[in-house]
C-alpha atoms as a PDB file:
ATOM      1  CA  UNK A   1      13.262   9.005   2.030  1.00  0.00           C
ATOM      2  CA  UNK A   2      13.999  10.898  -1.141  1.00  0.00           C
ATOM      3  CA  UNK A   3      14.313   9.740  -4.757  1.00  0.00           C
ATOM      4  CA  UNK A   4      17.070   7.135  -4.866  1.00  0.00           C
ATOM      5  CA  UNK A   5      17.502   6.889  -1.085  1.00  0.00           C
ATOM      6  CA  UNK A   6      15.453   5.697   1.874  1.00  0.00           C
ATOM      7  CA  UNK A   7      16.595   5.214   5.465  1.00  0.00           C
ATOM      8  CA  UNK A   8      15.400   3.298   8.515  1.00  0.00           C
ATOM      9  CA  UNK A   9      16.615   4.227  11.986  1.00  0.00           C
ATOM     10  CA  UNK A  10      16.250   1.600  14.703  1.00  0.00           C
ATOM     11  CA  UNK A  11      16.852   2.541  18.341  1.00  0.00           C
ATOM     12  CA  UNK A  12      20.088   1.035  19.694  1.00  0.00           C
ATOM     13  CA  UNK A  13      20.781  -0.670  16.354  1.00  0.00           C
ATOM     14  CA  UNK A  14      21.679   2.099  13.939  1.00  0.00           C
ATOM     15  CA  UNK A  15      20.677   3.489  10.594  1.00  0.00           C
ATOM     16  CA  UNK A  16      20.048   1.409   7.490  1.00  0.00           C
ATOM     17  CA  UNK A  17      19.875   2.803   3.957  1.00  0.00           C
ATOM     18  CA  UNK A  18      18.822   1.510   0.556  1.00  0.00           C
ATOM     19  CA  UNK A  19      17.858   2.899  -2.842  1.00  0.00           C
ATOM     20  CA  UNK A  20      14.200   1.845  -2.552  1.00  0.00           C
ATOM     21  CA  UNK A  21      11.781   1.057   0.281  1.00  0.00           C
ATOM     22  CA  UNK A  22      11.313  -2.419  -1.214  1.00  0.00           C
ATOM     23  CA  UNK A  23      15.054  -3.106  -0.980  1.00  0.00           C
ATOM     24  CA  UNK A  24      15.221  -1.796   2.582  1.00  0.00           C
ATOM     25  CA  UNK A  25      12.393  -4.077   3.768  1.00  0.00           C
ATOM     26  CA  UNK A  26      13.866  -7.057   1.920  1.00  0.00           C
ATOM     27  CA  UNK A  27      17.346  -6.484   3.381  1.00  0.00           C
ATOM     28  CA  UNK A  28      16.276  -5.738   6.958  1.00  0.00           C
ATOM     29  CA  UNK A  29      13.116  -7.807   7.480  1.00  0.00           C
ATOM     30  CA  UNK A  30      13.194 -10.353   4.665  1.00  0.00           C
ATOM     31  CA  UNK A  31       9.841  -9.078   3.371  1.00  0.00           C
ATOM     32  CA  UNK A  32       9.094  -8.702  -0.325  1.00  0.00           C
ATOM     33  CA  UNK A  33       6.453  -5.965  -0.181  1.00  0.00           C
ATOM     34  CA  UNK A  34       5.753  -3.524  -3.057  1.00  0.00           C
ATOM     35  CA  UNK A  35       5.840  -0.412  -0.852  1.00  0.00           C
ATOM     36  CA  UNK A  36       5.744   1.936  -3.851  1.00  0.00           C
ATOM     37  CA  UNK A  37       2.387   0.425  -4.858  1.00  0.00           C
ATOM     38  CA  UNK A  38       0.877   0.873  -1.385  1.00  0.00           C
ATOM     39  CA  UNK A  39       0.325   4.612  -1.885  1.00  0.00           C
ATOM     40  CA  UNK A  40      -2.095   3.668  -4.685  1.00  0.00           C
ATOM     41  CA  UNK A  41      -3.556   0.470  -3.269  1.00  0.00           C
ATOM     42  CA  UNK A  42      -4.413   2.098   0.065  1.00  0.00           C
ATOM     43  CA  UNK A  43      -6.604   4.607  -1.834  1.00  0.00           C
ATOM     44  CA  UNK A  44      -8.442   1.882  -3.713  1.00  0.00           C
ATOM     45  CA  UNK A  45      -6.506   2.377  -6.959  1.00  0.00           C
ATOM     46  CA  UNK A  46      -4.150   0.162  -8.972  1.00  0.00           C
ATOM     47  CA  UNK A  47      -0.586   1.462  -9.261  1.00  0.00           C
ATOM     48  CA  UNK A  48      -0.240   3.208 -12.639  1.00  0.00           C
ATOM     49  CA  UNK A  49       3.163   1.797 -13.620  1.00  0.00           C
ATOM     50  CA  UNK A  50       2.157  -1.823 -14.335  1.00  0.00           C
ATOM     51  CA  UNK A  51      -0.771  -3.883 -15.597  1.00  0.00           C
ATOM     52  CA  UNK A  52      -3.527  -4.892 -13.217  1.00  0.00           C
ATOM     53  CA  UNK A  53      -6.776  -6.826 -13.161  1.00  0.00           C
ATOM     54  CA  UNK A  54      -9.601  -5.328 -11.096  1.00  0.00           C
ATOM     55  CA  UNK A  55     -12.994  -6.445  -9.774  1.00  0.00           C
ATOM     56  CA  UNK A  56     -15.619  -3.949  -8.627  1.00  0.00           C
ATOM     57  CA  UNK A  57     -18.253  -4.436  -5.937  1.00  0.00           C
ATOM     58  CA  UNK A  58     -21.981  -3.687  -6.295  1.00  0.00           C
ATOM     59  CA  UNK A  59     -21.346  -0.004  -5.518  1.00  0.00           C
ATOM     60  CA  UNK A  60     -18.639   0.282  -8.236  1.00  0.00           C
ATOM     61  CA  UNK A  61     -15.856   0.411  -5.647  1.00  0.00           C
ATOM     62  CA  UNK A  62     -12.729  -1.685  -5.990  1.00  0.00           C
ATOM     63  CA  UNK A  63     -13.379  -5.133  -4.472  1.00  0.00           C
ATOM     64  CA  UNK A  64     -10.065  -6.701  -5.469  1.00  0.00           C
ATOM     65  CA  UNK A  65      -7.110  -6.236  -7.746  1.00  0.00           C
ATOM     66  CA  UNK A  66      -4.189  -8.310  -8.924  1.00  0.00           C
ATOM     67  CA  UNK A  67      -0.941  -6.571  -9.754  1.00  0.00           C
ATOM     68  CA  UNK A  68       2.703  -7.652  -9.951  1.00  0.00           C
ATOM     69  CA  UNK A  69       2.008 -11.014  -8.314  1.00  0.00           C
ATOM     70  CA  UNK A  70      -0.055  -9.544  -5.471  1.00  0.00           C
ATOM     71  CA  UNK A  71      -3.747  -9.998  -4.777  1.00  0.00           C
ATOM     72  CA  UNK A  72      -5.326  -7.067  -2.937  1.00  0.00           C
ATOM     73  CA  UNK A  73      -8.760  -7.471  -1.317  1.00  0.00           C
ATOM     74  CA  UNK A  74     -10.809  -4.511  -0.131  1.00  0.00           C
ATOM     75  CA  UNK A  75     -12.692  -5.914   2.858  1.00  0.00           C
ATOM     76  CA  UNK A  76     -14.508  -2.750   3.940  1.00  0.00           C
ATOM     77  CA  UNK A  77     -14.921   0.925   3.139  1.00  0.00           C
ATOM     78  CA  UNK A  78     -15.793   3.945   5.289  1.00  0.00           C
ATOM     79  CA  UNK A  79     -17.510   7.148   4.185  1.00  0.00           C
ATOM     80  CA  UNK A  80     -15.643  10.339   4.946  1.00  0.00           C
ATOM     81  CA  UNK A  81     -16.627  13.783   3.674  1.00  0.00           C
ATOM     82  CA  UNK A  82     -18.777  12.220   0.961  1.00  0.00           C
ATOM     83  CA  UNK A  83     -16.041   9.856  -0.277  1.00  0.00           C
ATOM     84  CA  UNK A  84     -15.885   6.107   0.241  1.00  0.00           C
ATOM     85  CA  UNK A  85     -12.342   5.194   1.300  1.00  0.00           C
ATOM     86  CA  UNK A  86     -10.802   1.790   2.084  1.00  0.00           C
ATOM     87  CA  UNK A  87     -10.916   0.828   5.750  1.00  0.00           C
ATOM     88  CA  UNK A  88      -9.605  -2.770   5.711  1.00  0.00           C
ATOM     89  CA  UNK A  89      -7.300  -4.008   2.960  1.00  0.00           C
ATOM     90  CA  UNK A  90      -5.738  -7.470   2.745  1.00  0.00           C
ATOM     91  CA  UNK A  91      -2.598  -8.050   0.673  1.00  0.00           C
ATOM     92  CA  UNK A  92      -1.643 -11.574  -0.445  1.00  0.00           C
ATOM     93  CA  UNK A  93       1.872 -12.081  -1.785  1.00  0.00           C
ATOM     94  CA  UNK A  94       3.908 -15.174  -2.558  1.00  0.00           C
ATOM     95  CA  UNK A  95       5.384 -15.461   0.951  1.00  0.00           C
ATOM     96  CA  UNK A  96       3.649 -12.670   2.845  1.00  0.00           C
ATOM     97  CA  UNK A  97       0.103 -11.722   3.865  1.00  0.00           C
ATOM     98  CA  UNK A  98      -0.563  -8.254   5.265  1.00  0.00           C
ATOM     99  CA  UNK A  99      -3.803  -6.746   6.578  1.00  0.00           C
ATOM    100  CA  UNK A 100      -4.005  -2.957   6.711  1.00  0.00           C
ATOM    101  CA  UNK A 101      -6.583  -1.247   8.920  1.00  0.00           C
ATOM    102  CA  UNK A 102      -6.975   2.480   8.294  1.00  0.00           C
ATOM    103  CA  UNK A 103      -8.331   4.183  11.403  1.00  0.00           C
ATOM    104  CA  UNK A 104      -8.249   7.825  10.329  1.00  0.00           C
ATOM    105  CA  UNK A 105      -8.143   9.361   6.867  1.00  0.00           C
ATOM    106  CA  UNK A 106      -6.742  12.885   6.664  1.00  0.00           C
ATOM    107  CA  UNK A 107      -7.097  14.125   3.075  1.00  0.00           C
ATOM    108  CA  UNK A 108      -4.660  16.760   1.882  1.00  0.00           C
ATOM    109  CA  UNK A 109      -5.919  20.241   1.186  1.00  0.00           C
ATOM    110  CA  UNK A 110      -5.820  21.431  -2.410  1.00  0.00           C
ATOM    111  CA  UNK A 111      -2.378  22.651  -3.400  1.00  0.00           C
ATOM    112  CA  UNK A 112      -0.482  20.461  -0.909  1.00  0.00           C
END
């Protein structure tokens, strides 16, 4: 996607477009999922554009957060290159529960 437009191509079904990823998922799958927040949540951070409530674990890592009606639980972390990164993340929404399992972190190089 690009600002103001995102597309989904499904084999033998066509191309679907919307202004936001949230709208596209809602229209095509019936899911209300804050996709724009996932880029932050997956890194163990609250999204910066709205208020959140956070709880830290004994190692000062994010244990859970609540934001925009979603509860996010950080079930496990993995150490990679000296950084502790989320490995299993559970999202609880009003009508949807999602568990994300990150198998391989590939950090960007500086300047990318």
